Amino acid sequence: MTDTSQDGALQQAKILMQALPHMLRYDEAIVVVKYGGHAMGDDEVARDFARDMVLLEQSGVNPVVVHGGGPQIGAMLKKLGIASQFSDGLRVTDRATMDIVEMVLAGSINKQIVGFINAEGGRAIGLCGKDGRMVTAAKIARPANSAGDQIDRGFVGEVTKVDTTVLDQVLGRELIPVLAPIAQGPGGDTYNINADTFAGAIAGALGAKRLLFLTDVPGVLDKDKKLIEQLRVADIPGLIADGTITGGMIPKVETCMYAIERGVEGVVILDGKLPHAVLIELLTDHGAGTLITR
């Protein structure tokens, strides 16, 4: 074990010393974790994340991992000489691009995360929305961009239905599902789904106790750039209107609202670069991000 790994194990042990009451709160509960951002490109952070998922499962929690992969997709497209075009933050996805997106998301990234979890003693199983018709999608129903221009985003989709049959068979059997945000439409076409939206739909369908968004920021910040530790859904429109919540955080909190409307008890936005962020949020008194509830 490297010195870095020893430090991580020691920090994990310290968290566990105060974790018992919180473990009881989450016993047999479903926790969906959206994993992405820059943390996915750091092997040591990825190992810490995998170790934490294994610990949660061994502690009686049912973790479900949903991952993104935008930077990795972009790198592969560049390597193959395929130009990337974006509209309102969504990658315009023609059929050739969709083939690459599926290869990267459901292939290399998914299996890498599965491998990290298995290496830490877990039993991860890699899936995507197409498996067992878990997620059905349709072409995203937003033909115009923010400037009012008509944009055909190609095979960019939105979730129309979640069937939890496959996940119901997996959860509670010492298996950790790792899901790529790829889904099939009724006509057989494959669609690329925004990973945040995909995670929200999965969490809502499963009635998850928590949905955690691992991001590159500590959470929702106030106008003094200090962390807002807790919000209610009713607070969010006002914070957007007064400019407290801006930019890329707006679609993030909108997804939080979407998940809560579908039955998720609480959604947390937290910094995925913080070592053991998931454990700190779930198993300590002070938490690690912004908790949004009804």
C-alpha atoms as a PDB file:
ATOM      1  CA  MET A   1       0.000   0.000   0.000  1.00  0.00           C
ATOM      2  CA  THR A   2       1.385   3.418  -0.944  1.00  0.00           C
ATOM      3  CA  ASP A   3       1.720   6.273   1.527  1.00  0.00           C
ATOM      4  CA  THR A   4      -1.205   8.006  -0.213  1.00  0.00           C
ATOM      5  CA  SER A   5      -3.340   4.890   0.153  1.00  0.00           C
ATOM      6  CA  GLN A   6      -2.377   4.627   3.824  1.00  0.00           C
ATOM      7  CA  ASP A   7      -3.420   8.252   4.381  1.00  0.00           C
ATOM      8  CA  GLY A   8      -6.747   7.528   2.652  1.00  0.00           C
ATOM      9  CA  ALA A   9      -7.360   4.428   4.760  1.00  0.00           C
ATOM     10  CA  LEU A  10      -6.557   6.372   7.935  1.00  0.00           C
ATOM     11  CA  GLN A  11      -8.965   9.161   6.997  1.00  0.00           C
ATOM     12  CA  GLN A  12     -11.631   6.597   6.177  1.00  0.00           C
ATOM     13  CA  ALA A  13     -11.116   4.971   9.607  1.00  0.00           C
ATOM     14  CA  LYS A  14     -11.527   8.345  11.353  1.00  0.00           C
ATOM     15  CA  ILE A  15     -14.827   8.901   9.554  1.00  0.00           C
ATOM     16  CA  LEU A  16     -16.046   5.459  10.577  1.00  0.00           C
ATOM     17  CA  MET A  17     -15.439   6.215  14.270  1.00  0.00           C
ATOM     18  CA  GLN A  18     -18.363   8.666  14.219  1.00  0.00           C
ATOM     19  CA  ALA A  19     -20.438   6.853  11.630  1.00  0.00           C
ATOM     20  CA  LEU A  20     -22.568   4.293  13.508  1.00  0.00           C
ATOM     21  CA  PRO A  21     -25.700   6.428  14.123  1.00  0.00           C
ATOM     22  CA  HIS A  22     -25.640   7.542  10.493  1.00  0.00           C
ATOM     23  CA  MET A  23     -25.150   3.982   9.227  1.00  0.00           C
ATOM     24  CA  LEU A  24     -28.351   3.000  11.016  1.00  0.00           C
ATOM     25  CA  ARG A  25     -30.158   5.871   9.271  1.00  0.00           C
ATOM     26  CA  TYR A  26     -29.111   4.558   5.860  1.00  0.00           C
ATOM     27  CA  ASP A  27     -29.435   0.826   6.572  1.00  0.00           C
ATOM     28  CA  GLU A  28     -30.835  -0.821   3.398  1.00  0.00           C
ATOM     29  CA  ALA A  29     -31.464   2.642   1.904  1.00  0.00           C
ATOM     30  CA  ILE A  30     -30.691   3.370  -1.743  1.00  0.00           C
ATOM     31  CA  VAL A  31     -28.126   6.093  -2.376  1.00  0.00           C
ATOM     32  CA  VAL A  32     -27.522   7.173  -5.987  1.00  0.00           C
ATOM     33  CA  VAL A  33     -24.159   8.837  -6.632  1.00  0.00           C
ATOM     34  CA  LYS A  34     -23.539  10.804  -9.830  1.00  0.00           C
ATOM     35  CA  TYR A  35     -19.800  10.534 -10.399  1.00  0.00           C
ATOM     36  CA  GLY A  36     -18.007  12.666 -12.934  1.00  0.00           C
ATOM     37  CA  GLY A  37     -15.943  15.768 -13.473  1.00  0.00           C
ATOM     38  CA  HIS A  38     -12.210  16.016 -13.025  1.00  0.00           C
ATOM     39  CA  ALA A  39     -12.190  13.417 -10.241  1.00  0.00           C
ATOM     40  CA  MET A  40     -12.655  10.712 -12.882  1.00  0.00           C
ATOM     41  CA  GLY A  41      -9.274  11.552 -14.397  1.00  0.00           C
ATOM     42  CA  ASP A  42      -7.297  11.024 -11.190  1.00  0.00           C
ATOM     43  CA  ASP A  43      -6.565   7.365 -10.410  1.00  0.00           C
ATOM     44  CA  GLU A  44      -5.960   7.938  -6.692  1.00  0.00           C
ATOM     45  CA  VAL A  45      -9.227   9.867  -6.276  1.00  0.00           C
ATOM     46  CA  ALA A  46     -10.969   7.128  -8.272  1.00  0.00           C
ATOM     47  CA  ARG A  47      -9.591   4.474  -5.928  1.00  0.00           C
ATOM     48  CA  ASP A  48     -10.787   6.456  -2.897  1.00  0.00           C
ATOM     49  CA  PHE A  49     -14.220   6.726  -4.477  1.00  0.00           C
ATOM     50  CA  ALA A  50     -14.285   2.978  -5.207  1.00  0.00           C
ATOM     51  CA  ARG A  51     -13.204   2.195  -1.644  1.00  0.00           C
ATOM     52  CA  ASP A  52     -16.023   4.373  -0.310  1.00  0.00           C
ATOM     53  CA  MET A  53     -18.635   2.645  -2.493  1.00  0.00           C
ATOM     54  CA  VAL A  54     -17.472  -0.744  -1.222  1.00  0.00           C
ATOM     55  CA  LEU A  55     -17.623   0.461   2.389  1.00  0.00           C
ATOM     56  CA  LEU A  56     -21.157   1.777   1.922  1.00  0.00           C
ATOM     57  CA  GLU A  57     -22.327  -1.534   0.467  1.00  0.00           C
ATOM     58  CA  GLN A  58     -20.647  -3.486   3.285  1.00  0.00           C
ATOM     59  CA  SER A  59     -22.355  -1.170   5.796  1.00  0.00           C
ATOM     60  CA  GLY A  60     -25.856  -2.058   4.567  1.00  0.00           C
ATOM     61  CA  VAL A  61     -26.342   0.833   2.142  1.00  0.00           C
ATOM     62  CA  ASN A  62     -27.340   0.130  -1.474  1.00  0.00           C
ATOM     63  CA  PRO A  63     -25.174   2.435  -3.622  1.00  0.00           C
ATOM     64  CA  VAL A  64     -25.947   3.032  -7.308  1.00  0.00           C
ATOM     65  CA  VAL A  65     -23.279   4.833  -9.342  1.00  0.00           C
ATOM     66  CA  VAL A  66     -24.198   6.909 -12.408  1.00  0.00           C
ATOM     67  CA  HIS A  67     -21.207   8.320 -14.276  1.00  0.00           C
ATOM     68  CA  GLY A  68     -20.581  10.921 -16.926  1.00  0.00           C
ATOM     69  CA  GLY A  69     -17.595  11.230 -19.220  1.00  0.00           C
ATOM     70  CA  GLY A  70     -17.697  14.466 -21.208  1.00  0.00           C
ATOM     71  CA  PRO A  71     -13.931  15.157 -21.107  1.00  0.00           C
ATOM     72  CA  GLN A  72     -13.109  11.575 -22.107  1.00  0.00           C
ATOM     73  CA  ILE A  73     -15.597  11.692 -24.981  1.00  0.00           C
ATOM     74  CA  GLY A  74     -14.126  14.978 -26.153  1.00  0.00           C
ATOM     75  CA  ALA A  75     -10.597  13.551 -26.035  1.00  0.00           C
ATOM     76  CA  MET A  76     -11.575  10.495 -28.073  1.00  0.00           C
ATOM     77  CA  LEU A  77     -13.430  12.568 -30.686  1.00  0.00           C
ATOM     78  CA  LYS A  78     -10.395  14.836 -31.027  1.00  0.00           C
ATOM     79  CA  LYS A  79      -8.129  11.812 -31.403  1.00  0.00           C
ATOM     80  CA  LEU A  80     -10.353  10.533 -34.210  1.00  0.00           C
ATOM     81  CA  GLY A  81     -10.548  13.929 -35.892  1.00  0.00           C
ATOM     82  CA  ILE A  82     -14.260  14.445 -35.198  1.00  0.00           C
ATOM     83  CA  ALA A  83     -15.125  18.053 -34.305  1.00  0.00           C
ATOM     84  CA  SER A  84     -17.276  18.681 -31.224  1.00  0.00           C
ATOM     85  CA  GLN A  85     -20.130  21.188 -31.352  1.00  0.00           C
ATOM     86  CA  PHE A  86     -22.183  22.295 -28.354  1.00  0.00           C
ATOM     87  CA  SER A  87     -25.558  23.984 -27.986  1.00  0.00           C
ATOM     88  CA  ASP A  88     -26.542  25.309 -24.554  1.00  0.00           C
ATOM     89  CA  GLY A  89     -24.056  22.932 -22.938  1.00  0.00           C
ATOM     90  CA  LEU A  90     -25.305  19.846 -24.801  1.00  0.00           C
ATOM     91  CA  ARG A  91     -23.060  18.034 -27.257  1.00  0.00           C
ATOM     92  CA  VAL A  92     -24.582  17.961 -30.740  1.00  0.00           C
ATOM     93  CA  THR A  93     -24.512  14.236 -31.477  1.00  0.00           C
ATOM     94  CA  ASP A  94     -24.781  12.847 -34.995  1.00  0.00           C
ATOM     95  CA  ARG A  95     -24.768   9.087 -35.598  1.00  0.00           C
ATOM     96  CA  ALA A  96     -20.967   8.850 -35.928  1.00  0.00           C
ATOM     97  CA  THR A  97     -20.507  10.822 -32.714  1.00  0.00           C
ATOM     98  CA  MET A  98     -23.115   8.685 -30.956  1.00  0.00           C
ATOM     99  CA  ASP A  99     -21.128   5.559 -31.786  1.00  0.00           C
ATOM    100  CA  ILE A 100     -18.068   7.082 -30.084  1.00  0.00           C
ATOM    101  CA  VAL A 101     -20.121   8.321 -27.119  1.00  0.00           C
ATOM    102  CA  GLU A 102     -21.509   4.830 -26.544  1.00  0.00           C
ATOM    103  CA  MET A 103     -18.077   3.233 -26.899  1.00  0.00           C
ATOM    104  CA  VAL A 104     -16.522   5.590 -24.342  1.00  0.00           C
ATOM    105  CA  LEU A 105     -19.387   5.775 -21.828  1.00  0.00           C
ATOM    106  CA  ALA A 106     -20.735   2.220 -21.838  1.00  0.00           C
ATOM    107  CA  GLY A 107     -17.324   0.747 -22.659  1.00  0.00           C
ATOM    108  CA  SER A 108     -14.032   2.146 -21.399  1.00  0.00           C
ATOM    109  CA  ILE A 109     -15.232   4.502 -18.636  1.00  0.00           C
ATOM    110  CA  ASN A 110     -17.880   2.156 -17.278  1.00  0.00           C
ATOM    111  CA  LYS A 111     -15.527  -0.800 -17.104  1.00  0.00           C
ATOM    112  CA  GLN A 112     -12.754   1.288 -15.580  1.00  0.00           C
ATOM    113  CA  ILE A 113     -15.033   2.275 -12.676  1.00  0.00           C
ATOM    114  CA  VAL A 114     -16.200  -1.330 -12.332  1.00  0.00           C
ATOM    115  CA  GLY A 115     -12.561  -2.411 -12.227  1.00  0.00           C
ATOM    116  CA  PHE A 116     -11.664   0.086  -9.495  1.00  0.00           C
ATOM    117  CA  ILE A 117     -14.570  -1.060  -7.305  1.00  0.00           C
ATOM    118  CA  ASN A 118     -13.764  -4.733  -7.844  1.00  0.00           C
ATOM    119  CA  ALA A 119     -10.096  -4.093  -7.025  1.00  0.00           C
ATOM    120  CA  GLU A 120     -11.175  -2.696  -3.638  1.00  0.00           C
ATOM    121  CA  GLY A 121     -13.082  -5.874  -2.791  1.00  0.00           C
ATOM    122  CA  GLY A 122     -16.515  -4.960  -4.126  1.00  0.00           C
ATOM    123  CA  ARG A 123     -18.681  -6.647  -6.745  1.00  0.00           C
ATOM    124  CA  ALA A 124     -19.571  -4.024  -9.310  1.00  0.00           C
ATOM    125  CA  ILE A 125     -21.662  -4.682 -12.384  1.00  0.00           C
ATOM    126  CA  GLY A 126     -21.520  -2.326 -15.368  1.00  0.00           C
ATOM    127  CA  LEU A 127     -24.792  -1.475 -17.097  1.00  0.00           C
ATOM    128  CA  CYS A 128     -26.344   1.245 -19.226  1.00  0.00           C
ATOM    129  CA  GLY A 129     -29.920   2.369 -19.747  1.00  0.00           C
ATOM    130  CA  LYS A 130     -30.302   0.014 -22.708  1.00  0.00           C
ATOM    131  CA  ASP A 131     -29.780  -3.090 -20.555  1.00  0.00           C
ATOM    132  CA  GLY A 132     -33.058  -4.771 -19.712  1.00  0.00           C
ATOM    133  CA  ARG A 133     -34.852  -1.723 -21.187  1.00  0.00           C
ATOM    134  CA  MET A 134     -33.966   0.027 -17.957  1.00  0.00           C
ATOM    135  CA  VAL A 135     -34.325   3.526 -19.412  1.00  0.00           C
ATOM    136  CA  THR A 136     -36.358   4.552 -22.439  1.00  0.00           C
ATOM    137  CA  ALA A 137     -35.531   7.864 -24.100  1.00  0.00           C
ATOM    138  CA  ALA A 138     -36.789  10.216 -26.775  1.00  0.00           C
ATOM    139  CA  LYS A 139     -35.069  12.931 -28.752  1.00  0.00           C
ATOM    140  CA  ILE A 140     -34.759  15.960 -26.523  1.00  0.00           C
ATOM    141  CA  ALA A 141     -37.747  18.235 -26.964  1.00  0.00           C
ATOM    142  CA  ARG A 142     -35.844  21.525 -27.062  1.00  0.00           C
ATOM    143  CA  PRO A 143     -35.319  22.347 -30.752  1.00  0.00           C
ATOM    144  CA  ALA A 144     -34.228  25.952 -30.215  1.00  0.00           C
ATOM    145  CA  ASN A 145     -31.202  27.169 -28.277  1.00  0.00           C
ATOM    146  CA  SER A 146     -31.187  30.103 -25.827  1.00  0.00           C
ATOM    147  CA  ALA A 147     -30.749  32.520 -28.723  1.00  0.00           C
ATOM    148  CA  GLY A 148     -33.882  31.172 -30.399  1.00  0.00           C
ATOM    149  CA  ASP A 149     -31.977  29.440 -33.200  1.00  0.00           C
ATOM    150  CA  GLN A 150     -33.270  26.108 -34.441  1.00  0.00           C
ATOM    151  CA  ILE A 151     -30.646  23.465 -33.604  1.00  0.00           C
ATOM    152  CA  ASP A 152     -30.867  19.772 -34.388  1.00  0.00           C
ATOM    153  CA  ARG A 153     -28.921  18.206 -31.535  1.00  0.00           C
ATOM    154  CA  GLY A 154     -29.093  14.786 -33.146  1.00  0.00           C
ATOM    155  CA  PHE A 155     -29.063  11.822 -30.779  1.00  0.00           C
ATOM    156  CA  VAL A 156     -29.285  13.804 -27.561  1.00  0.00           C
ATOM    157  CA  GLY A 157     -32.168  12.406 -25.557  1.00  0.00           C
ATOM    158  CA  GLU A 158     -34.255  12.829 -22.456  1.00  0.00           C
ATOM    159  CA  VAL A 159     -35.658  10.135 -20.204  1.00  0.00           C
ATOM    160  CA  THR A 160     -39.257   9.141 -20.846  1.00  0.00           C
ATOM    161  CA  LYS A 161     -39.475   6.012 -18.686  1.00  0.00           C
ATOM    162  CA  VAL A 162     -37.444   4.082 -16.099  1.00  0.00           C
ATOM    163  CA  ASP A 163     -38.060   0.374 -15.525  1.00  0.00           C
ATOM    164  CA  THR A 164     -36.313  -0.736 -12.324  1.00  0.00           C
ATOM    165  CA  THR A 165     -36.681  -4.497 -12.925  1.00  0.00           C
ATOM    166  CA  VAL A 166     -32.950  -5.069 -13.513  1.00  0.00           C
ATOM    167  CA  LEU A 167     -31.870  -2.847 -10.613  1.00  0.00           C
ATOM    168  CA  ASP A 168     -34.383  -4.516  -8.299  1.00  0.00           C
ATOM    169  CA  GLN A 169     -32.671  -7.831  -9.048  1.00  0.00           C
ATOM    170  CA  VAL A 170     -29.201  -6.381  -8.391  1.00  0.00           C
ATOM    171  CA  LEU A 171     -29.669  -4.250  -5.275  1.00  0.00           C
ATOM    172  CA  GLY A 172     -29.430  -5.971  -1.916  1.00  0.00           C
ATOM    173  CA  ARG A 173     -27.314  -8.811  -3.330  1.00  0.00           C
ATOM    174  CA  GLU A 174     -23.849  -7.448  -2.547  1.00  0.00           C
ATOM    175  CA  LEU A 175     -23.626  -5.949  -6.047  1.00  0.00           C
ATOM    176  CA  ILE A 176     -22.934  -2.311  -6.925  1.00  0.00           C
ATOM    177  CA  PRO A 177     -24.516  -1.214 -10.231  1.00  0.00           C
ATOM    178  CA  VAL A 178     -22.481   1.264 -12.279  1.00  0.00           C
ATOM    179  CA  LEU A 179     -24.664   2.941 -14.909  1.00  0.00           C
ATOM    180  CA  ALA A 180     -23.711   4.720 -18.129  1.00  0.00           C
ATOM    181  CA  PRO A 181     -26.236   7.378 -19.280  1.00  0.00           C
ATOM    182  CA  ILE A 182     -27.067   5.763 -22.617  1.00  0.00           C
ATOM    183  CA  ALA A 183     -30.651   4.790 -23.469  1.00  0.00           C
ATOM    184  CA  GLN A 184     -32.712   3.467 -26.356  1.00  0.00           C
ATOM    185  CA  GLY A 185     -35.699   5.090 -28.002  1.00  0.00           C
ATOM    186  CA  PRO A 186     -38.870   3.282 -29.096  1.00  0.00           C
ATOM    187  CA  GLY A 187     -37.591   3.159 -32.685  1.00  0.00           C
ATOM    188  CA  GLY A 188     -34.338   1.470 -31.671  1.00  0.00           C
ATOM    189  CA  ASP A 189     -32.084   4.554 -31.867  1.00  0.00           C
ATOM    190  CA  THR A 190     -29.524   5.072 -29.112  1.00  0.00           C
ATOM    191  CA  TYR A 191     -29.473   8.397 -27.254  1.00  0.00           C
ATOM    192  CA  ASN A 192     -26.906  10.214 -25.146  1.00  0.00           C
ATOM    193  CA  ILE A 193     -28.534  11.443 -21.916  1.00  0.00           C
ATOM    194  CA  ASN A 194     -27.167  14.172 -19.667  1.00  0.00           C
ATOM    195  CA  ALA A 195     -25.704  12.227 -16.729  1.00  0.00           C
ATOM    196  CA  ASP A 196     -27.212  14.520 -14.076  1.00  0.00           C
ATOM    197  CA  THR A 197     -30.690  14.110 -15.570  1.00  0.00           C
ATOM    198  CA  PHE A 198     -30.183  10.365 -15.937  1.00  0.00           C
ATOM    199  CA  ALA A 199     -29.133  10.085 -12.274  1.00  0.00           C
ATOM    200  CA  GLY A 200     -32.167  12.108 -11.179  1.00  0.00           C
ATOM    201  CA  ALA A 201     -34.526   9.853 -13.122  1.00  0.00           C
ATOM    202  CA  ILE A 202     -32.920   6.685 -11.723  1.00  0.00           C
ATOM    203  CA  ALA A 203     -33.000   8.025  -8.161  1.00  0.00           C
ATOM    204  CA  GLY A 204     -36.629   9.051  -8.466  1.00  0.00           C
ATOM    205  CA  ALA A 205     -37.709   5.693  -9.884  1.00  0.00           C
ATOM    206  CA  LEU A 206     -35.888   3.839  -7.098  1.00  0.00           C
ATOM    207  CA  GLY A 207     -37.233   6.118  -4.355  1.00  0.00           C
ATOM    208  CA  ALA A 208     -33.653   6.810  -3.249  1.00  0.00           C
ATOM    209  CA  LYS A 209     -33.039   8.256   0.189  1.00  0.00           C
ATOM    210  CA  ARG A 210     -30.217  10.380  -1.177  1.00  0.00           C
ATOM    211  CA  LEU A 211     -28.939  11.494  -4.569  1.00  0.00           C
ATOM    212  CA  LEU A 212     -25.397  12.868  -4.436  1.00  0.00           C
ATOM    213  CA  PHE A 213     -23.947  15.011  -7.226  1.00  0.00           C
ATOM    214  CA  LEU A 214     -20.140  14.973  -7.072  1.00  0.00           C
ATOM    215  CA  THR A 215     -19.081  18.233  -8.734  1.00  0.00           C
ATOM    216  CA  ASP A 216     -16.051  20.519  -8.934  1.00  0.00           C
ATOM    217  CA  VAL A 217     -17.401  23.001  -6.358  1.00  0.00           C
ATOM    218  CA  PRO A 218     -18.230  22.696  -2.621  1.00  0.00           C
ATOM    219  CA  GLY A 219     -21.977  23.097  -3.232  1.00  0.00           C
ATOM    220  CA  VAL A 220     -24.364  26.019  -3.632  1.00  0.00           C
ATOM    221  CA  LEU A 221     -22.656  29.231  -2.533  1.00  0.00           C
ATOM    222  CA  ASP A 222     -24.199  32.442  -1.251  1.00  0.00           C
ATOM    223  CA  LYS A 223     -23.253  35.882  -2.597  1.00  0.00           C
ATOM    224  CA  ASP A 224     -20.241  35.947  -0.253  1.00  0.00           C
ATOM    225  CA  LYS A 225     -19.068  32.636  -1.747  1.00  0.00           C
ATOM    226  CA  LYS A 226     -19.825  30.770   1.475  1.00  0.00           C
ATOM    227  CA  LEU A 227     -21.431  27.344   1.399  1.00  0.00           C
ATOM    228  CA  ILE A 228     -25.196  27.163   1.884  1.00  0.00           C
ATOM    229  CA  GLU A 229     -25.489  23.946   3.864  1.00  0.00           C
ATOM    230  CA  GLN A 230     -29.219  23.355   3.429  1.00  0.00           C
ATOM    231  CA  LEU A 231     -31.950  24.519   1.066  1.00  0.00           C
ATOM    232  CA  ARG A 232     -35.582  23.714   0.448  1.00  0.00           C
ATOM    233  CA  VAL A 233     -37.021  23.433  -3.039  1.00  0.00           C
ATOM    234  CA  ALA A 234     -39.142  26.520  -2.395  1.00  0.00           C
ATOM    235  CA  ASP A 235     -35.981  28.596  -1.762  1.00  0.00           C
ATOM    236  CA  ILE A 236     -34.421  27.916  -5.160  1.00  0.00           C
ATOM    237  CA  PRO A 237     -36.476  30.123  -7.544  1.00  0.00           C
ATOM    238  CA  GLY A 238     -35.763  33.178  -5.403  1.00  0.00           C
ATOM    239  CA  LEU A 239     -32.032  32.451  -5.282  1.00  0.00           C
ATOM    240  CA  ILE A 240     -31.964  32.159  -9.067  1.00  0.00           C
ATOM    241  CA  ALA A 241     -33.961  35.366  -9.473  1.00  0.00           C
ATOM    242  CA  ASP A 242     -31.662  37.403  -7.182  1.00  0.00           C
ATOM    243  CA  GLY A 243     -28.499  36.121  -8.853  1.00  0.00           C
ATOM    244  CA  THR A 244     -27.230  33.954  -5.992  1.00  0.00           C
ATOM    245  CA  ILE A 245     -27.485  30.811  -8.122  1.00  0.00           C
ATOM    246  CA  THR A 246     -26.075  31.436 -11.593  1.00  0.00           C
ATOM    247  CA  GLY A 247     -24.474  29.752 -14.607  1.00  0.00           C
ATOM    248  CA  GLY A 248     -23.951  26.014 -14.554  1.00  0.00           C
ATOM    249  CA  MET A 249     -25.381  25.691 -11.058  1.00  0.00           C
ATOM    250  CA  ILE A 250     -28.875  26.536 -12.360  1.00  0.00           C
ATOM    251  CA  PRO A 251     -29.397  23.281 -14.335  1.00  0.00           C
ATOM    252  CA  LYS A 252     -27.813  21.401 -11.427  1.00  0.00           C
ATOM    253  CA  VAL A 253     -30.363  22.664  -8.881  1.00  0.00           C
ATOM    254  CA  GLU A 254     -33.175  22.234 -11.420  1.00  0.00           C
ATOM    255  CA  THR A 255     -32.198  18.565 -11.645  1.00  0.00           C
ATOM    256  CA  CYS A 256     -32.258  18.402  -7.845  1.00  0.00           C
ATOM    257  CA  MET A 257     -35.814  19.751  -7.877  1.00  0.00           C
ATOM    258  CA  TYR A 258     -36.760  17.252 -10.604  1.00  0.00           C
ATOM    259  CA  ALA A 259     -35.453  14.345  -8.495  1.00  0.00           C
ATOM    260  CA  ILE A 260     -37.221  15.481  -5.327  1.00  0.00           C
ATOM    261  CA  GLU A 261     -40.487  15.880  -7.226  1.00  0.00           C
ATOM    262  CA  ARG A 262     -40.117  12.216  -8.227  1.00  0.00           C
ATOM    263  CA  GLY A 263     -39.695  10.974  -4.677  1.00  0.00           C
ATOM    264  CA  VAL A 264     -36.039  11.350  -3.689  1.00  0.00           C
ATOM    265  CA  GLU A 265     -35.859  12.326  -0.018  1.00  0.00           C
ATOM    266  CA  GLY A 266     -32.835  14.604  -0.330  1.00  0.00           C
ATOM    267  CA  VAL A 267     -30.289  15.672  -2.924  1.00  0.00           C
ATOM    268  CA  VAL A 268     -26.752  16.849  -2.122  1.00  0.00           C
ATOM    269  CA  ILE A 269     -24.379  18.874  -4.289  1.00  0.00           C
ATOM    270  CA  LEU A 270     -20.813  18.409  -3.038  1.00  0.00           C
ATOM    271  CA  ASP A 271     -17.180  18.599  -4.080  1.00  0.00           C
ATOM    272  CA  GLY A 272     -16.005  15.335  -5.648  1.00  0.00           C
ATOM    273  CA  LYS A 273     -12.375  16.380  -5.254  1.00  0.00           C
ATOM    274  CA  LEU A 274     -12.717  16.266  -1.453  1.00  0.00           C
ATOM    275  CA  PRO A 275     -11.310  12.921  -0.262  1.00  0.00           C
ATOM    276  CA  HIS A 276     -14.097  10.623   0.967  1.00  0.00           C
ATOM    277  CA  ALA A 277     -16.721  13.304   0.270  1.00  0.00           C
ATOM    278  CA  VAL A 278     -19.504  10.707   0.071  1.00  0.00           C
ATOM    279  CA  LEU A 279     -18.640   9.209   3.471  1.00  0.00           C
ATOM    280  CA  ILE A 280     -18.298  12.635   5.069  1.00  0.00           C
ATOM    281  CA  GLU A 281     -21.724  13.677   3.751  1.00  0.00           C
ATOM    282  CA  LEU A 282     -23.572  10.514   4.713  1.00  0.00           C
ATOM    283  CA  LEU A 283     -21.769   9.349   7.842  1.00  0.00           C
ATOM    284  CA  THR A 284     -20.742  12.470   9.786  1.00  0.00           C
ATOM    285  CA  ASP A 285     -22.645  15.189  11.607  1.00  0.00           C
ATOM    286  CA  HIS A 286     -21.313  18.140   9.597  1.00  0.00           C
ATOM    287  CA  GLY A 287     -21.738  16.757   6.067  1.00  0.00           C
ATOM    288  CA  ALA A 288     -19.850  17.974   3.020  1.00  0.00           C
ATOM    289  CA  GLY A 289     -22.100  19.959   0.696  1.00  0.00           C
ATOM    290  CA  THR A 290     -25.508  21.559   0.143  1.00  0.00           C
ATOM    291  CA  LEU A 291     -28.494  19.380   1.078  1.00  0.00           C
ATOM    292  CA  ILE A 292     -31.696  20.151  -0.824  1.00  0.00           C
ATOM    293  CA  THR A 293     -34.986  18.769   0.495  1.00  0.00           C
ATOM    294  CA  ARG A 294     -38.677  19.316  -0.026  1.00  0.00           C
END
